[in-house]
Amino acid sequence: MPAGRKRASGAAVRRRHLVAVLVRDGVMPLELGAVHQLFGVARGSDGERLYDVRTCAAVPGPVRTDADFSIDVPHGPQVLARADTVVVPASHALDDTGTGTDTVAAGGDVAGLLSTVRPEARVASICTGAFALARAGLLDGRRATTHWLSAERFRREFPAVELDPDVLFTEDGRVFTSAGEAAGIDLCLHLIRSDHGAAVANDVARRTVVPPFRDGGQAQFVDVPVPAPTGGHTGPARSWALEHLDETLSLDDLARHASMSTRTFTRRFRREVGVSPGAWLLQQRLLRARDLLERSELPVDAVARRAGFGTGASLRQHFARALGTSPAAYRATFGQDLRNQNVTSRLPRHP
């Protein structure tokens, strides 16, 4: 149905945000699939899809993956000029050391292809897809990240880029980069959250059974991603904390619920989660406050109490520091749409 046509009820059809995924020979299927899955299941309160996702290549047709199969890409580079967001996954060929090397040259003139992207569109990379963005000059003078195994090579090749290999993803203006494959999921959720708020992003996370929020500044390399089956770990304490966010929670409280000393708990928490207990607790409280601002009409002071900030002044301070806005402005942007059952994107859509 053409954009702008009316349904029988008289409601206008939403123009969806167009996400173009630029793939090259050696593309990693998990990264490509994650982009389609996450943006593809995002829904407004009326049940309508919020994004169209299109896979494109320098030349339409078969594209080799880094697995034992190829994919048939239906779209050529023309879709890039219409896209609102362009995502470049990694393109891997294993070198002699077993380290993934992004095969930009195999994908044609990537710099030329990316030059057709509209100035107002977002551009994002997953894993070593950052090499493609860097070769196109999109990262010069910007903060970026890539997979930690490729960080040194990236620094050597692109000294003009401010590389931060210790984070999950970065945002610098309209350009976004993420670390390994799983961090690409975090970045996609961040983009959805930026477009439509925490409620929509949380729904996408629930549908795909992934964590709804990992801050971009969280460490990408965690010493012990899965706690050892023997001995205590911090999971029960985190679950307890999420049920008591409206209370004053101390480090001693968390350690006690994990049956550990404070020192041991702090060390293990950072190893398992990648950030300190205090930083994690603040992330969860901000996420709870955002959800309440979107889904309820509670006064800001009541939202602050339920999220554990105590006062509206404290919530406003943390909101300004973390999100660059106020609770009232955030609600005006995201909460009003839910109350009116009319969620719309605040980013440009393709015609």
Protein backbone atom coordinates (compact mmCIF):
# COMPACT_ATOMS: atom_id res chain seq x y z
CA MET A 1 0.00 0.00 0.00
CA PRO A 2 1.55 3.36 -0.98
CA ALA A 3 2.61 5.70 1.81
CA GLY A 4 -0.09 8.12 2.80
CA ARG A 5 -3.05 5.98 1.65
CA LYS A 6 -5.91 5.62 4.12
CA ARG A 7 -7.27 2.45 5.60
CA ALA A 8 -11.02 1.87 5.56
CA SER A 9 -11.15 3.29 9.09
CA GLY A 10 -9.60 6.54 7.87
CA ALA A 11 -6.28 6.05 9.68
CA ALA A 12 -3.19 6.94 7.68
CA VAL A 13 -0.64 4.22 7.06
CA ARG A 14 2.68 4.89 8.77
CA ARG A 15 5.77 5.30 6.63
CA ARG A 16 8.27 2.91 8.09
CA HIS A 17 11.90 3.67 8.91
CA LEU A 18 14.06 1.94 6.29
CA VAL A 19 17.06 -0.05 7.52
CA ALA A 20 19.50 -1.11 4.80
CA VAL A 21 22.00 -3.87 5.61
CA LEU A 22 25.06 -3.74 3.34
CA VAL A 23 26.60 -7.22 3.02
CA ARG A 24 29.77 -8.43 1.33
CA ASP A 25 31.36 -11.82 0.66
CA GLY A 26 32.25 -13.41 3.98
CA VAL A 27 29.31 -11.87 5.84
CA MET A 28 28.56 -13.45 9.22
CA PRO A 29 25.01 -14.91 9.16
CA LEU A 30 24.43 -14.28 12.87
CA GLU A 31 25.04 -10.56 12.50
CA LEU A 32 22.84 -10.28 9.42
CA GLY A 33 20.05 -12.28 11.04
CA ALA A 34 20.16 -10.27 14.26
CA VAL A 35 19.53 -7.00 12.43
CA HIS A 36 16.54 -8.46 10.59
CA GLN A 37 15.15 -10.13 13.70
CA LEU A 38 15.41 -7.19 16.08
CA PHE A 39 14.18 -4.42 13.79
CA GLY A 40 11.71 -6.80 12.17
CA VAL A 41 9.78 -7.58 15.34
CA ALA A 42 9.56 -3.96 16.58
CA ARG A 43 5.90 -2.99 16.81
CA GLY A 44 3.99 0.14 17.72
CA SER A 45 1.10 0.10 20.17
CA ASP A 46 -1.24 -0.44 17.22
CA GLY A 47 0.64 -3.61 16.23
CA GLU A 48 2.09 -2.10 13.06
CA ARG A 49 5.70 -2.81 12.10
CA LEU A 50 7.99 0.15 12.75
CA TYR A 51 10.85 -0.75 10.37
CA ASP A 52 11.43 -2.16 6.92
CA VAL A 53 14.74 -4.03 6.65
CA ARG A 54 16.37 -4.57 3.26
CA THR A 55 19.57 -6.50 2.52
CA CYS A 56 21.68 -5.07 -0.27
CA ALA A 57 25.05 -5.72 -1.91
CA ALA A 58 27.30 -4.05 -4.46
CA VAL A 59 25.76 -6.43 -7.01
CA PRO A 60 22.47 -8.27 -6.36
CA GLY A 61 22.69 -12.04 -6.35
CA PRO A 62 24.64 -14.72 -4.47
CA VAL A 63 26.87 -13.55 -1.62
CA ARG A 64 29.13 -15.98 0.24
CA THR A 65 28.92 -16.12 4.02
CA ASP A 66 31.70 -17.21 6.34
CA ALA A 67 29.76 -20.46 6.83
CA ASP A 68 29.22 -23.28 4.33
CA PHE A 69 26.35 -21.60 2.49
CA SER A 70 25.60 -18.51 0.44
CA ILE A 71 22.68 -16.10 0.55
CA ASP A 72 20.75 -14.58 -2.33
CA VAL A 73 20.69 -10.79 -1.93
CA PRO A 74 17.77 -9.23 -3.82
CA HIS A 75 18.74 -5.57 -3.66
CA GLY A 76 21.55 -3.52 -5.15
CA PRO A 77 23.21 -0.41 -3.71
CA GLN A 78 20.36 1.85 -4.81
CA VAL A 79 18.56 1.10 -1.54
CA LEU A 80 21.36 2.86 0.37
CA ALA A 81 20.32 6.25 -1.01
CA ARG A 82 16.81 5.81 0.43
CA ALA A 83 17.78 4.32 3.78
CA ASP A 84 17.24 6.04 7.13
CA THR A 85 19.72 3.70 8.81
CA VAL A 86 22.55 1.74 7.14
CA VAL A 87 24.09 -1.21 8.98
CA VAL A 88 27.38 -2.78 7.87
CA PRO A 89 28.03 -6.22 9.41
CA ALA A 90 31.47 -7.78 9.51
CA SER A 91 32.84 -9.63 6.50
CA HIS A 92 35.28 -12.26 7.69
CA ALA A 93 38.05 -14.34 6.25
CA LEU A 94 40.27 -16.11 8.77
CA ASP A 95 43.96 -15.32 8.56
CA ASP A 96 46.78 -17.66 9.64
CA THR A 97 46.35 -16.70 13.30
CA GLY A 98 42.64 -17.49 13.32
CA THR A 99 41.76 -13.84 13.75
CA GLY A 100 38.94 -12.46 11.64
CA THR A 101 40.09 -10.06 8.94
CA ASP A 102 37.46 -7.82 7.41
CA THR A 103 37.46 -8.46 3.65
CA VAL A 104 36.42 -5.01 2.51
CA ALA A 105 38.16 -5.32 -0.84
CA ALA A 106 36.08 -8.38 -1.69
CA GLY A 107 32.89 -6.35 -1.40
CA GLY A 108 33.71 -3.81 -4.08
CA ASP A 109 34.10 -0.08 -3.55
CA VAL A 110 32.58 0.18 -0.07
CA ALA A 111 33.66 3.81 0.31
CA GLY A 112 31.89 4.62 -2.94
CA LEU A 113 28.79 2.75 -1.88
CA LEU A 114 28.60 4.48 1.50
CA SER A 115 29.09 7.87 -0.15
CA THR A 116 25.56 7.51 -1.55
CA VAL A 117 24.02 7.45 1.94
CA ARG A 118 22.01 10.57 2.74
CA PRO A 119 23.77 13.01 5.14
CA GLU A 120 20.91 12.80 7.65
CA ALA A 121 20.85 8.99 7.74
CA ARG A 122 22.46 6.93 10.49
CA VAL A 123 25.36 4.59 9.71
CA ALA A 124 26.25 1.69 12.03
CA SER A 125 28.74 -1.17 12.01
CA ILE A 126 28.83 -4.50 13.79
CA CYS A 127 32.11 -6.07 14.90
CA THR A 128 34.88 -5.53 12.32
CA GLY A 129 32.40 -3.84 10.01
CA ALA A 130 34.00 -0.75 11.58
CA PHE A 131 36.91 -1.30 9.17
CA ALA A 132 34.55 -0.60 6.26
CA LEU A 133 33.31 2.60 7.87
CA ALA A 134 36.86 3.69 8.60
CA ARG A 135 38.03 3.03 5.03
CA ALA A 136 35.13 5.17 3.85
CA GLY A 137 36.38 8.02 6.06
CA LEU A 138 33.24 8.00 8.21
CA LEU A 139 35.15 7.48 11.46
CA ASP A 140 37.92 10.07 11.10
CA GLY A 141 38.00 12.15 14.28
CA ARG A 142 35.21 10.10 15.80
CA ARG A 143 35.05 7.73 18.75
CA ALA A 144 34.53 4.14 17.62
CA THR A 145 34.98 0.54 18.68
CA THR A 146 35.47 -2.86 17.09
CA HIS A 147 36.12 -6.42 18.23
CA TRP A 148 38.91 -6.39 20.81
CA LEU A 149 40.90 -9.01 18.87
CA SER A 150 41.20 -6.59 15.95
CA ALA A 151 41.85 -3.43 17.99
CA GLU A 152 45.61 -3.19 17.43
CA ARG A 153 45.32 -3.72 13.68
CA PHE A 154 42.56 -1.11 13.58
CA ARG A 155 44.75 1.41 15.41
CA ARG A 156 47.62 0.85 13.00
CA GLU A 157 45.45 1.28 9.92
CA PHE A 158 43.30 4.18 11.15
CA PRO A 159 45.23 6.44 13.51
CA ALA A 160 42.75 9.27 12.89
CA VAL A 161 39.99 7.30 14.66
CA GLU A 162 39.57 7.56 18.43
CA LEU A 163 39.31 3.81 19.09
CA ASP A 164 37.85 2.59 22.38
CA PRO A 165 38.16 -1.22 22.40
CA ASP A 166 36.77 -1.59 25.92
CA VAL A 167 33.08 -0.82 25.28
CA LEU A 168 30.12 -2.60 23.72
CA PHE A 169 29.15 0.18 21.32
CA THR A 170 29.73 3.84 20.60
CA GLU A 171 27.62 6.73 19.35
CA ASP A 172 29.23 9.77 17.78
CA GLY A 173 26.76 11.96 15.99
CA ARG A 174 25.03 9.92 13.30
CA VAL A 175 27.70 7.18 13.31
CA PHE A 176 27.50 4.09 15.54
CA THR A 177 29.92 1.19 15.99
CA SER A 178 29.68 -2.00 18.04
CA ALA A 179 32.07 -4.66 19.23
CA GLY A 180 31.51 -8.39 18.62
CA GLU A 181 28.37 -10.10 17.34
CA ALA A 182 26.47 -9.97 20.64
CA ALA A 183 27.26 -6.27 21.02
CA GLY A 184 25.52 -5.75 17.69
CA ILE A 185 22.33 -6.85 19.42
CA ASP A 186 22.89 -4.25 22.13
CA LEU A 187 23.45 -1.58 19.48
CA CYS A 188 20.27 -2.49 17.56
CA LEU A 189 18.26 -2.31 20.79
CA HIS A 190 19.87 1.06 21.54
CA LEU A 191 18.79 2.39 18.14
CA ILE A 192 15.25 1.10 18.62
CA ARG A 193 15.16 2.60 22.12
CA SER A 194 16.37 5.94 20.75
CA ASP A 195 13.65 5.90 18.08
CA HIS A 196 10.68 4.65 20.08
CA GLY A 197 11.55 4.53 23.77
CA ALA A 198 12.23 1.84 26.35
CA ALA A 199 8.82 0.15 26.14
CA VAL A 200 9.19 -0.79 22.46
CA ALA A 201 12.83 -1.85 22.92
CA ASN A 202 11.88 -3.95 25.97
CA ASP A 203 9.16 -5.65 23.95
CA VAL A 204 11.68 -6.47 21.20
CA ALA A 205 14.04 -7.89 23.82
CA ARG A 206 11.27 -10.05 25.30
CA ARG A 207 10.25 -11.34 21.88
CA THR A 208 13.82 -12.31 21.04
CA VAL A 209 14.74 -13.42 24.59
CA VAL A 210 17.78 -11.17 25.01
CA PRO A 211 18.72 -8.74 27.82
CA PRO A 212 16.78 -5.49 27.28
CA PHE A 213 19.58 -3.15 28.25
CA ARG A 214 23.36 -3.25 28.41
CA ASP A 215 24.90 0.19 28.50
CA GLY A 216 27.24 0.99 25.63
CA GLY A 217 30.02 1.81 28.07
CA GLN A 218 29.95 -1.67 29.55
CA ALA A 219 33.14 -3.66 29.04
CA GLN A 220 33.04 -5.87 25.94
CA PHE A 221 35.43 -8.43 27.41
CA VAL A 222 34.16 -10.16 30.56
CA ASP A 223 36.55 -12.56 32.28
CA VAL A 224 33.85 -15.05 33.30
CA PRO A 225 30.77 -14.61 31.03
CA VAL A 226 29.08 -17.68 32.54
CA PRO A 227 29.64 -18.18 36.29
CA ALA A 228 31.16 -21.49 37.32
CA PRO A 229 28.52 -24.01 38.48
CA THR A 230 30.27 -24.45 41.83
CA GLY A 231 30.18 -21.75 44.47
CA GLY A 232 28.04 -18.65 44.72
CA HIS A 233 27.61 -15.99 42.04
CA THR A 234 25.89 -12.64 41.78
CA GLY A 235 22.79 -13.63 39.81
CA PRO A 236 20.46 -14.08 42.81
CA ALA A 237 21.51 -10.72 44.21
CA ARG A 238 20.76 -9.02 40.90
CA SER A 239 17.32 -10.65 40.73
CA TRP A 240 16.60 -9.54 44.29
CA ALA A 241 17.74 -5.99 43.54
CA LEU A 242 15.39 -5.73 40.54
CA GLU A 243 12.48 -6.61 42.83
CA HIS A 244 13.49 -3.94 45.35
CA LEU A 245 14.60 -1.03 43.15
CA ASP A 246 12.27 1.32 45.04
CA GLU A 247 14.24 0.73 48.24
CA THR A 248 17.58 2.07 49.42
CA LEU A 249 20.04 -0.62 48.38
CA SER A 250 23.59 -0.72 49.65
CA LEU A 251 26.55 -2.74 48.47
CA ASP A 252 26.38 -4.64 51.77
CA ASP A 253 22.73 -5.55 51.05
CA LEU A 254 23.64 -6.98 47.66
CA ALA A 255 26.64 -8.88 49.00
CA ARG A 256 24.55 -10.34 51.81
CA HIS A 257 21.98 -11.71 49.35
CA ALA A 258 24.82 -13.33 47.43
CA SER A 259 26.23 -14.79 50.66
CA MET A 260 29.60 -13.13 50.01
CA SER A 261 31.81 -10.57 51.60
CA THR A 262 31.50 -7.11 50.09
CA ARG A 263 34.99 -7.33 48.61
CA THR A 264 34.38 -10.75 47.02
CA PHE A 265 30.96 -9.70 45.73
CA THR A 266 32.34 -6.55 44.09
CA ARG A 267 35.11 -8.48 42.37
CA ARG A 268 32.83 -11.26 41.10
CA PHE A 269 30.10 -8.82 40.06
CA ARG A 270 32.49 -6.93 37.81
CA ARG A 271 33.80 -10.17 36.33
CA GLU A 272 30.31 -11.49 35.59
CA VAL A 273 28.55 -8.30 34.50
CA GLY A 274 31.37 -6.09 33.26
CA VAL A 275 30.56 -3.02 35.40
CA SER A 276 30.52 -2.20 39.09
CA PRO A 277 27.43 -2.97 41.22
CA GLY A 278 26.75 0.76 41.57
CA ALA A 279 26.90 1.40 37.83
CA TRP A 280 24.63 -1.58 37.11
CA LEU A 281 22.12 -0.45 39.74
CA LEU A 282 21.97 3.03 38.22
CA GLN A 283 21.39 1.54 34.75
CA GLN A 284 18.48 -0.54 36.03
CA ARG A 285 16.92 2.39 37.86
CA LEU A 286 17.13 4.59 34.79
CA LEU A 287 15.54 1.85 32.72
CA ARG A 288 12.73 1.45 35.29
CA ALA A 289 12.13 5.20 35.33
CA ARG A 290 12.00 5.36 31.53
CA ASP A 291 9.50 2.52 31.44
CA LEU A 292 7.28 4.19 34.06
CA LEU A 293 7.41 7.51 32.24
CA GLU A 294 6.27 5.81 29.04
CA ARG A 295 3.65 3.42 30.45
CA SER A 296 2.08 5.46 33.25
CA GLU A 297 0.92 8.96 34.07
CA LEU A 298 2.52 8.93 37.50
CA PRO A 299 3.95 12.28 38.60
CA VAL A 300 7.71 12.59 38.21
CA ASP A 301 8.20 12.46 41.98
CA ALA A 302 6.28 9.16 42.14
CA VAL A 303 8.33 7.75 39.26
CA ALA A 304 11.49 8.75 41.10
CA ARG A 305 10.40 6.93 44.25
CA ARG A 306 9.40 3.75 42.42
CA ALA A 307 12.68 3.67 40.49
CA GLY A 308 14.73 4.18 43.63
CA PHE A 309 15.93 7.74 43.04
CA GLY A 310 14.06 9.04 46.08
CA THR A 311 13.21 12.51 44.79
CA GLY A 312 12.25 14.10 41.53
CA ALA A 313 15.31 16.35 41.77
CA SER A 314 17.59 13.31 41.93
CA LEU A 315 15.84 11.70 38.95
CA ARG A 316 16.15 14.90 36.92
CA GLN A 317 19.85 15.12 37.70
CA HIS A 318 20.53 11.53 36.63
CA PHE A 319 18.34 11.89 33.53
CA ALA A 320 20.19 15.00 32.42
CA ARG A 321 23.57 13.33 32.96
CA ALA A 322 22.72 10.01 31.28
CA LEU A 323 20.24 11.03 28.56
CA GLY A 324 20.75 14.75 28.08
CA THR A 325 17.09 15.50 28.71
CA SER A 326 14.53 15.82 31.50
CA PRO A 327 11.92 13.26 32.63
CA ALA A 328 9.16 15.60 31.45
CA ALA A 329 10.70 16.01 28.00
CA TYR A 330 11.27 12.26 27.74
CA ARG A 331 7.61 11.60 28.59
CA ALA A 332 6.48 14.20 26.07
CA THR A 333 8.49 12.42 23.38
CA PHE A 334 7.66 8.79 24.16
CA GLY A 335 4.85 8.58 26.74
CA GLN A 336 2.31 10.68 24.87
CA ASP A 337 2.37 8.30 21.90
CA LEU A 338 1.49 5.33 24.08
CA ARG A 339 -1.36 7.13 25.83
CA ASN A 340 -2.84 8.12 22.49
CA GLN A 341 -2.20 4.66 21.00
CA ASN A 342 -0.39 6.33 18.13
CA VAL A 343 3.30 5.45 18.20
CA THR A 344 5.27 7.16 15.43
CA SER A 345 8.98 7.41 14.80
CA ARG A 346 10.73 10.68 15.26
CA LEU A 347 13.24 9.86 12.56
CA PRO A 348 12.82 10.42 8.83
CA ARG A 349 11.16 7.67 6.80
CA HIS A 350 11.76 6.70 3.25
CA PRO A 351 9.17 7.72 0.66
